[in-house]
Amino acid sequence: MDFNLSDEQRMLQENARRFMEKDYAFSRRQAIATSGGFEPQVWREFAEMGWLAAGIPEAFGGVGFGAVETAILAEEMGRGLLLEPYLHGCLLPAAVLRHCADEAQQAELLPAIGSGEILLAVACSEPESRGDVAWVTTTAQRRGDGYILNGHKSAVVCAAQSDRLLVVARTAGEPASIEGLSLFVLERDTPGMSLETVRLLDGTPAADLRLDNAVVPADALLGREGHAYVGLQRATDELIVHQCSEIVGGMEDVLALCADYLKTRKQFGVPIGSFQALQHRMADMAIETMQARASLHRGLAMLAGEAPVHERSAQISGCKAQVMRSAKFVTAQGIQLHGGYGLTEEFRVGHHYRRLVLSNAWWGGLEYHLARYARSIQGLVAAA
């Protein structure tokens, strides 16, 4: 793949950066975090600029961007510490629909996502799943002309703010089996469904979803019954790569924040940026950021390739493991370079660290993805 940006991609990057710097300044973000973590006006602005339609094919009213263009948007949003769920409430549900739904269902839901008419939350993760897409204990039993759902989904981002929820449930098989996974579209007022709202570490709104004999009609089924795994894994792989892009954007911002701070903070009458030890630390942070970006490029290349699903997912796990490893170093060093100030609400660098902690928890942490990648390497060695 050629990762030199085209003129159109550079223009997209500049527009996104300008919006995040001017229209989503840190003061506005703090106000949004205080008021609930989701601002509908911001979502409408994204719709007007076409960003909500970025990952939607043109046939369904979208812009038809590829993974590189959506990664550019995610990176700038990570740089600007966006609270609104662009990854979880836009790119992920659009990917799930593209890979799992039939054409009629896509025609109904994808244009509504792109226009901002509806907000979809994806309820996939469970308390014990730890990033494993196949680990689903929530059940869906056929009953007459519908289904009965029972189970528990954890930390569903913007579930309380959404209009509908895409819920992963098991219609057959045991937990961790890739067979028998199905997707359902649930209305917010579905009988038997309840939400326990929470505020995550960085202010992102989320909720635990409980299903207690929740009754849904047969047409709530998305795609084919029991065949959702491959599409879900593809959508999750895309989300992880875009999550890596968001993290790299945050790392770039931490570097810029530290460079400015070292130029203005003085000790012994001189800027602390003149101290060689701190210059070496900044150099190490820059190297780790470049390594994370290289891993992001590798993940994007895997999405563009034709590798089998398990190989692609394992390679993307390796990318997330490296990005998380580098980002932990960079954000921790950023806080240390800011001294005690770095942990306060007034300094952006601490917010990047909080966001990173959440990113590590979403869709599998560093240890999970590193172990998954290691097993893939071991398998290749054994086969050789």
Protein backbone atom coordinates (compact mmCIF):
# COMPACT_ATOMS: atom_id res chain seq x y z
CA MET A 1 0.00 0.00 0.00
CA ASP A 2 1.03 3.59 -0.65
CA PHE A 3 0.66 5.61 2.54
CA ASN A 4 1.62 8.92 1.01
CA LEU A 5 -1.58 10.94 1.28
CA SER A 6 -3.23 12.18 -1.88
CA ASP A 7 -4.33 15.80 -2.24
CA GLU A 8 -7.90 14.84 -1.34
CA GLN A 9 -6.75 12.92 1.74
CA ARG A 10 -4.58 15.83 2.90
CA MET A 11 -7.55 18.16 2.49
CA LEU A 12 -9.69 15.81 4.57
CA GLN A 13 -6.98 15.71 7.24
CA GLU A 14 -6.66 19.51 7.30
CA ASN A 15 -10.42 20.01 7.55
CA ALA A 16 -10.75 17.49 10.37
CA ARG A 17 -7.82 19.01 12.27
CA ARG A 18 -9.20 22.52 11.83
CA PHE A 19 -12.59 21.45 13.17
CA MET A 20 -11.11 19.70 16.20
CA GLU A 21 -8.85 22.66 17.03
CA LYS A 22 -11.38 25.45 16.54
CA ASP A 23 -14.88 24.00 16.90
CA TYR A 24 -14.04 21.26 19.41
CA ALA A 25 -11.58 23.13 21.57
CA PHE A 26 -10.57 21.64 24.91
CA SER A 27 -12.88 24.03 26.77
CA ARG A 28 -15.87 22.78 24.76
CA ARG A 29 -14.87 19.19 25.41
CA GLN A 30 -14.72 19.85 29.15
CA ALA A 31 -18.21 21.35 29.04
CA ILE A 32 -19.54 18.33 27.12
CA ALA A 33 -17.91 15.93 29.60
CA THR A 34 -19.56 17.77 32.47
CA SER A 35 -23.00 17.75 30.84
CA GLY A 36 -23.11 14.05 29.99
CA GLY A 37 -20.41 13.24 27.45
CA PHE A 38 -22.52 13.47 24.29
CA GLU A 39 -23.49 16.63 22.43
CA PRO A 40 -26.18 16.10 19.74
CA GLN A 41 -25.09 19.31 18.00
CA VAL A 42 -21.62 17.86 17.40
CA TRP A 43 -23.21 14.75 15.88
CA ARG A 44 -25.32 16.94 13.56
CA GLU A 45 -22.20 18.83 12.50
CA PHE A 46 -20.50 15.54 11.66
CA ALA A 47 -23.51 14.57 9.55
CA GLU A 48 -23.45 17.90 7.70
CA MET A 49 -19.75 17.46 6.87
CA GLY A 50 -20.36 13.91 5.63
CA TRP A 51 -18.20 12.27 8.28
CA LEU A 52 -20.99 9.99 9.54
CA ALA A 53 -21.33 8.66 5.98
CA ALA A 54 -17.59 8.14 5.55
CA GLY A 55 -17.65 4.36 5.99
CA ILE A 56 -20.92 3.82 4.10
CA PRO A 57 -20.96 2.74 0.42
CA GLU A 58 -22.22 5.24 -2.13
CA ALA A 59 -25.00 2.83 -3.08
CA PHE A 60 -26.53 3.46 0.35
CA GLY A 61 -26.12 7.21 0.40
CA GLY A 62 -22.61 7.23 1.84
CA VAL A 63 -19.36 8.88 0.86
CA GLY A 64 -17.71 5.53 0.18
CA PHE A 65 -14.38 6.28 1.85
CA GLY A 66 -11.88 3.50 2.32
CA ALA A 67 -10.12 2.48 5.52
CA VAL A 68 -7.34 5.05 5.05
CA GLU A 69 -9.75 7.99 4.86
CA THR A 70 -11.76 6.88 7.88
CA ALA A 71 -8.47 6.29 9.73
CA ILE A 72 -7.49 9.89 8.97
CA LEU A 73 -10.72 11.11 10.59
CA ALA A 74 -10.25 8.81 13.59
CA GLU A 75 -6.67 10.03 14.07
CA GLU A 76 -7.70 13.68 14.15
CA MET A 77 -10.53 12.89 16.56
CA GLY A 78 -8.07 11.08 18.80
CA ARG A 79 -5.77 14.08 18.65
CA GLY A 80 -8.68 16.30 19.73
CA LEU A 81 -9.95 13.92 22.46
CA LEU A 82 -13.42 13.53 20.94
CA LEU A 83 -15.99 12.27 23.42
CA GLU A 84 -18.78 11.55 20.96
CA PRO A 85 -18.76 7.87 19.86
CA TYR A 86 -17.49 8.18 16.29
CA LEU A 87 -15.86 4.74 16.42
CA HIS A 88 -18.53 2.93 18.43
CA GLY A 89 -21.63 4.75 17.18
CA CYS A 90 -20.75 5.33 13.52
CA LEU A 91 -17.89 3.29 12.04
CA LEU A 92 -18.60 0.08 14.00
CA PRO A 93 -22.37 -0.21 13.37
CA ALA A 94 -21.84 0.71 9.71
CA ALA A 95 -19.20 -2.05 9.42
CA VAL A 96 -21.44 -4.58 11.18
CA LEU A 97 -24.29 -3.80 8.79
CA ARG A 98 -22.01 -3.96 5.73
CA HIS A 99 -20.65 -7.37 6.68
CA CYS A 100 -23.65 -9.01 8.39
CA ALA A 101 -26.94 -7.55 7.14
CA ASP A 102 -28.81 -8.34 3.94
CA GLU A 103 -29.28 -5.70 1.25
CA ALA A 104 -32.75 -4.63 2.40
CA GLN A 105 -31.57 -4.13 5.98
CA GLN A 106 -28.55 -2.15 4.78
CA ALA A 107 -30.82 0.02 2.63
CA GLU A 108 -32.96 0.77 5.67
CA LEU A 109 -30.27 1.49 8.27
CA LEU A 110 -27.09 2.68 6.55
CA PRO A 111 -28.54 5.90 5.07
CA ALA A 112 -30.05 6.73 8.46
CA ILE A 113 -26.65 6.36 10.13
CA GLY A 114 -24.97 8.54 7.51
CA SER A 115 -27.53 11.32 7.84
CA GLY A 116 -27.44 11.26 11.63
CA GLU A 117 -31.12 10.32 11.73
CA ILE A 118 -30.42 7.41 14.06
CA LEU A 119 -27.64 6.50 16.46
CA LEU A 120 -26.88 2.79 16.78
CA ALA A 121 -25.01 1.24 19.70
CA VAL A 122 -23.37 -2.17 19.32
CA ALA A 123 -23.83 -4.48 22.32
CA CYS A 124 -21.19 -7.15 21.77
CA SER A 125 -18.82 -7.29 24.75
CA GLU A 126 -19.65 -9.22 27.91
CA PRO A 127 -17.94 -9.18 31.32
CA GLU A 128 -15.90 -12.31 30.48
CA SER A 129 -15.31 -11.82 26.74
CA ARG A 130 -12.10 -9.72 27.09
CA GLY A 131 -11.99 -8.99 23.37
CA ASP A 132 -12.98 -12.45 22.12
CA VAL A 133 -15.78 -11.87 19.59
CA ALA A 134 -16.96 -15.48 19.89
CA TRP A 135 -17.31 -15.40 23.68
CA VAL A 136 -21.06 -14.80 23.89
CA THR A 137 -23.28 -16.19 26.64
CA THR A 138 -26.32 -14.05 25.84
CA THR A 139 -28.92 -16.39 24.35
CA ALA A 140 -31.70 -15.95 21.79
CA GLN A 141 -34.28 -18.73 21.71
CA ARG A 142 -36.82 -19.05 18.94
CA ARG A 143 -40.32 -18.73 20.36
CA GLY A 144 -43.27 -18.69 17.98
CA ASP A 145 -42.84 -15.84 15.51
CA GLY A 146 -40.02 -14.17 17.46
CA TYR A 147 -37.09 -14.61 19.82
CA ILE A 148 -36.57 -14.46 23.58
CA LEU A 149 -33.25 -12.85 24.59
CA ASN A 150 -31.51 -13.28 27.94
CA GLY A 151 -28.06 -12.09 28.99
CA HIS A 152 -25.79 -9.25 30.03
CA LYS A 153 -23.73 -6.88 27.87
CA SER A 154 -21.17 -4.62 29.50
CA ALA A 155 -19.99 -1.05 28.86
CA VAL A 156 -22.07 -0.42 25.74
CA VAL A 157 -20.92 3.03 24.61
CA CYS A 158 -23.74 5.58 24.25
CA ALA A 159 -26.42 2.92 24.76
CA ALA A 160 -28.65 5.38 26.61
CA GLN A 161 -28.26 7.99 23.86
CA SER A 162 -28.90 5.55 21.00
CA ASP A 163 -32.14 5.00 19.10
CA ARG A 164 -31.56 1.28 18.54
CA LEU A 165 -29.09 -1.36 19.65
CA LEU A 166 -27.36 -4.09 17.68
CA VAL A 167 -27.18 -7.02 20.10
CA VAL A 168 -25.06 -10.13 19.59
CA ALA A 169 -26.69 -13.27 20.96
CA ARG A 170 -26.15 -17.00 20.69
CA THR A 171 -28.82 -19.01 18.93
CA ALA A 172 -26.74 -22.22 19.11
CA GLY A 173 -23.45 -23.57 20.43
CA GLU A 174 -21.39 -22.99 23.53
CA PRO A 175 -19.49 -19.84 24.63
CA ALA A 176 -16.37 -19.29 22.48
CA SER A 177 -17.83 -21.29 19.58
CA ILE A 178 -17.79 -19.39 16.29
CA GLU A 179 -20.95 -21.22 15.27
CA GLY A 180 -24.40 -20.03 16.30
CA LEU A 181 -23.83 -16.28 16.67
CA SER A 182 -26.67 -14.04 15.55
CA LEU A 183 -27.38 -10.30 15.48
CA PHE A 184 -30.58 -8.55 16.47
CA VAL A 185 -31.80 -4.97 16.14
CA LEU A 186 -33.56 -3.92 19.33
CA GLU A 187 -35.61 -0.80 19.91
CA ARG A 188 -34.80 1.21 23.02
CA ASP A 189 -38.22 0.44 24.54
CA THR A 190 -38.02 -3.34 24.02
CA PRO A 191 -39.83 -5.09 26.92
CA GLY A 192 -37.41 -6.97 29.14
CA MET A 193 -34.42 -4.77 28.27
CA SER A 194 -32.91 -2.48 30.89
CA LEU A 195 -29.91 -0.15 30.97
CA GLU A 196 -27.71 0.77 33.91
CA THR A 197 -25.91 3.92 32.83
CA VAL A 198 -22.29 4.61 33.81
CA ARG A 199 -19.67 7.26 33.08
CA LEU A 200 -16.38 5.83 31.94
CA LEU A 201 -12.95 7.06 32.99
CA ASP A 202 -12.68 9.87 30.43
CA GLY A 203 -16.33 10.95 30.65
CA THR A 204 -17.64 8.75 27.84
CA PRO A 205 -21.26 7.72 28.51
CA ALA A 206 -21.96 3.98 28.50
CA ALA A 207 -24.35 1.47 30.01
CA ASP A 208 -24.59 -2.14 31.08
CA LEU A 209 -27.37 -3.85 29.16
CA ARG A 210 -29.48 -6.56 30.76
CA LEU A 211 -31.92 -8.73 28.85
CA ASP A 212 -34.50 -10.59 30.92
CA ASN A 213 -36.83 -12.50 28.63
CA ALA A 214 -36.73 -9.64 26.15
CA VAL A 215 -39.17 -10.39 23.33
CA VAL A 216 -38.27 -9.36 19.77
CA PRO A 217 -40.03 -10.13 16.48
CA ALA A 218 -38.50 -12.40 13.86
CA ASP A 219 -37.66 -9.45 11.60
CA ALA A 220 -35.34 -8.11 14.32
CA LEU A 221 -32.81 -10.72 13.16
CA LEU A 222 -29.98 -9.14 11.17
CA GLY A 223 -28.74 -11.32 8.34
CA ARG A 224 -28.77 -15.12 8.64
CA GLU A 225 -29.37 -16.84 11.94
CA GLY A 226 -26.23 -18.36 13.41
CA HIS A 227 -23.84 -16.99 10.76
CA ALA A 228 -22.73 -13.66 12.20
CA TYR A 229 -19.22 -14.55 13.34
CA VAL A 230 -17.25 -13.86 10.15
CA GLY A 231 -18.90 -10.47 9.61
CA LEU A 232 -18.55 -9.53 13.27
CA GLN A 233 -14.87 -10.43 13.29
CA ARG A 234 -14.26 -8.36 10.15
CA ALA A 235 -16.11 -5.38 11.65
CA THR A 236 -14.16 -5.75 14.90
CA ASP A 237 -10.85 -5.89 13.02
CA GLU A 238 -11.76 -2.65 11.26
CA LEU A 239 -12.70 -1.04 14.58
CA ILE A 240 -9.39 -2.09 16.18
CA VAL A 241 -7.38 -0.57 13.33
CA HIS A 242 -9.34 2.68 13.60
CA GLN A 243 -8.88 2.56 17.36
CA CYS A 244 -5.13 2.33 16.72
CA SER A 245 -5.43 5.38 14.48
CA GLU A 246 -7.21 7.29 17.24
CA ILE A 247 -4.47 6.33 19.70
CA VAL A 248 -1.70 7.45 17.32
CA GLY A 249 -3.45 10.82 17.00
CA GLY A 250 -3.46 11.11 20.78
CA MET A 251 0.24 10.25 20.94
CA GLU A 252 1.03 12.98 18.41
CA ASP A 253 -0.86 15.48 20.56
CA VAL A 254 1.02 14.38 23.70
CA LEU A 255 4.32 14.97 21.90
CA ALA A 256 3.23 18.47 20.86
CA LEU A 257 1.96 19.29 24.35
CA CYS A 258 5.23 18.16 25.94
CA ALA A 259 7.35 20.10 23.45
CA ASP A 260 5.43 23.30 24.22
CA TYR A 261 5.60 22.68 27.98
CA LEU A 262 9.35 22.06 27.97
CA LYS A 263 9.88 25.36 26.14
CA THR A 264 7.90 27.41 28.68
CA ARG A 265 8.48 25.67 32.05
CA LYS A 266 11.61 26.99 33.73
CA GLN A 267 13.90 25.70 36.44
CA PHE A 268 17.11 27.36 37.60
CA GLY A 269 16.22 30.25 35.31
CA VAL A 270 16.24 28.25 32.06
CA PRO A 271 13.57 26.26 30.12
CA ILE A 272 13.61 22.62 31.19
CA GLY A 273 13.68 21.69 27.51
CA SER A 274 17.36 22.62 27.53
CA PHE A 275 18.14 19.70 29.86
CA GLN A 276 19.72 16.88 27.89
CA ALA A 277 18.00 14.13 29.89
CA LEU A 278 14.58 15.50 28.96
CA GLN A 279 15.62 15.86 25.33
CA HIS A 280 16.55 12.17 25.32
CA ARG A 281 13.17 11.32 26.81
CA MET A 282 11.38 13.30 24.10
CA ALA A 283 13.43 11.47 21.47
CA ASP A 284 12.37 8.12 22.92
CA MET A 285 8.74 9.25 22.85
CA ALA A 286 9.06 10.31 19.20
CA ILE A 287 10.58 6.92 18.27
CA GLU A 288 7.72 5.06 19.98
CA THR A 289 5.19 7.24 18.16
CA MET A 290 6.79 6.44 14.81
CA GLN A 291 6.75 2.75 15.68
CA ALA A 292 3.06 2.96 16.56
CA ARG A 293 2.32 4.68 13.25
CA ALA A 294 4.19 1.96 11.38
CA SER A 295 2.04 -0.64 13.16
CA LEU A 296 -1.09 1.32 12.18
CA HIS A 297 0.02 1.24 8.55
CA ARG A 298 0.49 -2.51 8.82
CA GLY A 299 -3.05 -2.88 10.17
CA LEU A 300 -4.45 -0.82 7.30
CA ALA A 301 -2.52 -3.00 4.85
CA MET A 302 -4.08 -6.12 6.41
CA LEU A 303 -7.57 -4.66 5.94
CA ALA A 304 -6.78 -4.02 2.28
CA GLY A 305 -5.37 -7.52 1.74
CA GLU A 306 -6.99 -10.89 1.15
CA ALA A 307 -5.61 -12.83 4.10
CA PRO A 308 -7.84 -15.50 5.73
CA VAL A 309 -9.95 -14.22 8.60
CA HIS A 310 -7.88 -15.77 11.41
CA GLU A 311 -4.55 -14.66 9.95
CA ARG A 312 -5.83 -11.12 9.37
CA SER A 313 -7.23 -10.87 12.89
CA ALA A 314 -4.02 -12.20 14.46
CA GLN A 315 -1.88 -9.73 12.54
CA ILE A 316 -4.17 -6.87 13.57
CA SER A 317 -3.89 -8.07 17.16
CA GLY A 318 -0.12 -7.67 16.83
CA CYS A 319 -0.67 -4.13 15.58
CA LYS A 320 -2.86 -3.20 18.54
CA ALA A 321 -0.42 -4.76 21.00
CA GLN A 322 2.44 -2.64 19.66
CA VAL A 323 0.37 0.55 19.48
CA MET A 324 -0.83 0.07 23.05
CA ARG A 325 2.68 -0.67 24.27
CA SER A 326 4.07 2.46 22.63
CA ALA A 327 1.15 4.64 23.70
CA LYS A 328 1.46 3.59 27.34
CA PHE A 329 5.08 4.70 27.29
CA VAL A 330 4.39 8.01 25.54
CA THR A 331 1.40 9.07 27.66
CA ALA A 332 3.06 8.03 30.93
CA GLN A 333 6.18 9.98 30.01
CA GLY A 334 4.00 12.92 29.02
CA ILE A 335 2.42 13.03 32.45
CA GLN A 336 5.82 12.73 34.13
CA LEU A 337 7.28 15.56 32.04
CA HIS A 338 4.37 17.75 33.16
CA GLY A 339 5.03 16.87 36.78
CA GLY A 340 2.01 16.76 39.08
CA TYR A 341 0.12 19.08 36.73
CA GLY A 342 -0.27 16.32 34.17
CA LEU A 343 -2.89 14.52 36.25
CA THR A 344 -5.15 17.54 36.74
CA GLU A 345 -8.35 18.21 34.77
CA GLU A 346 -6.86 21.37 33.27
CA PHE A 347 -4.09 19.61 31.34
CA ARG A 348 -4.88 17.65 28.17
CA VAL A 349 -2.06 15.14 28.63
CA GLY A 350 -3.82 13.42 31.53
CA HIS A 351 -7.00 13.06 29.48
CA HIS A 352 -5.03 11.25 26.79
CA TYR A 353 -3.84 8.77 29.38
CA ARG A 354 -7.41 8.15 30.60
CA ARG A 355 -8.58 7.61 27.05
CA LEU A 356 -5.75 5.13 26.53
CA VAL A 357 -6.81 3.12 29.59
CA LEU A 358 -10.29 2.79 28.07
CA SER A 359 -8.92 1.91 24.64
CA ASN A 360 -6.94 -0.88 26.25
CA ALA A 361 -10.12 -2.26 27.82
CA TRP A 362 -12.26 -2.03 24.69
CA TRP A 363 -12.12 -5.05 22.35
CA GLY A 364 -9.25 -6.72 24.17
CA GLY A 365 -6.26 -5.30 25.97
CA LEU A 366 -2.54 -5.44 25.27
CA GLU A 367 -2.06 -8.82 26.97
CA TYR A 368 -4.94 -10.46 25.08
CA HIS A 369 -3.80 -9.23 21.68
CA LEU A 370 -0.14 -9.97 22.36
CA ALA A 371 -0.99 -13.54 23.37
CA ARG A 372 -3.19 -13.94 20.29
CA TYR A 373 -0.44 -12.70 18.01
CA ALA A 374 2.12 -14.93 19.73
CA ARG A 375 -0.07 -18.00 19.19
CA SER A 376 -0.27 -17.12 15.50
CA ILE A 377 3.52 -16.88 15.25
CA GLN A 378 3.92 -20.17 17.09
CA GLY A 379 1.49 -21.78 14.68
CA LEU A 380 3.46 -20.55 11.68
CA VAL A 381 6.71 -21.85 13.17
CA ALA A 382 5.15 -25.23 13.94
CA ALA A 383 3.80 -25.47 10.40
CA ALA A 384 7.21 -24.65 8.95
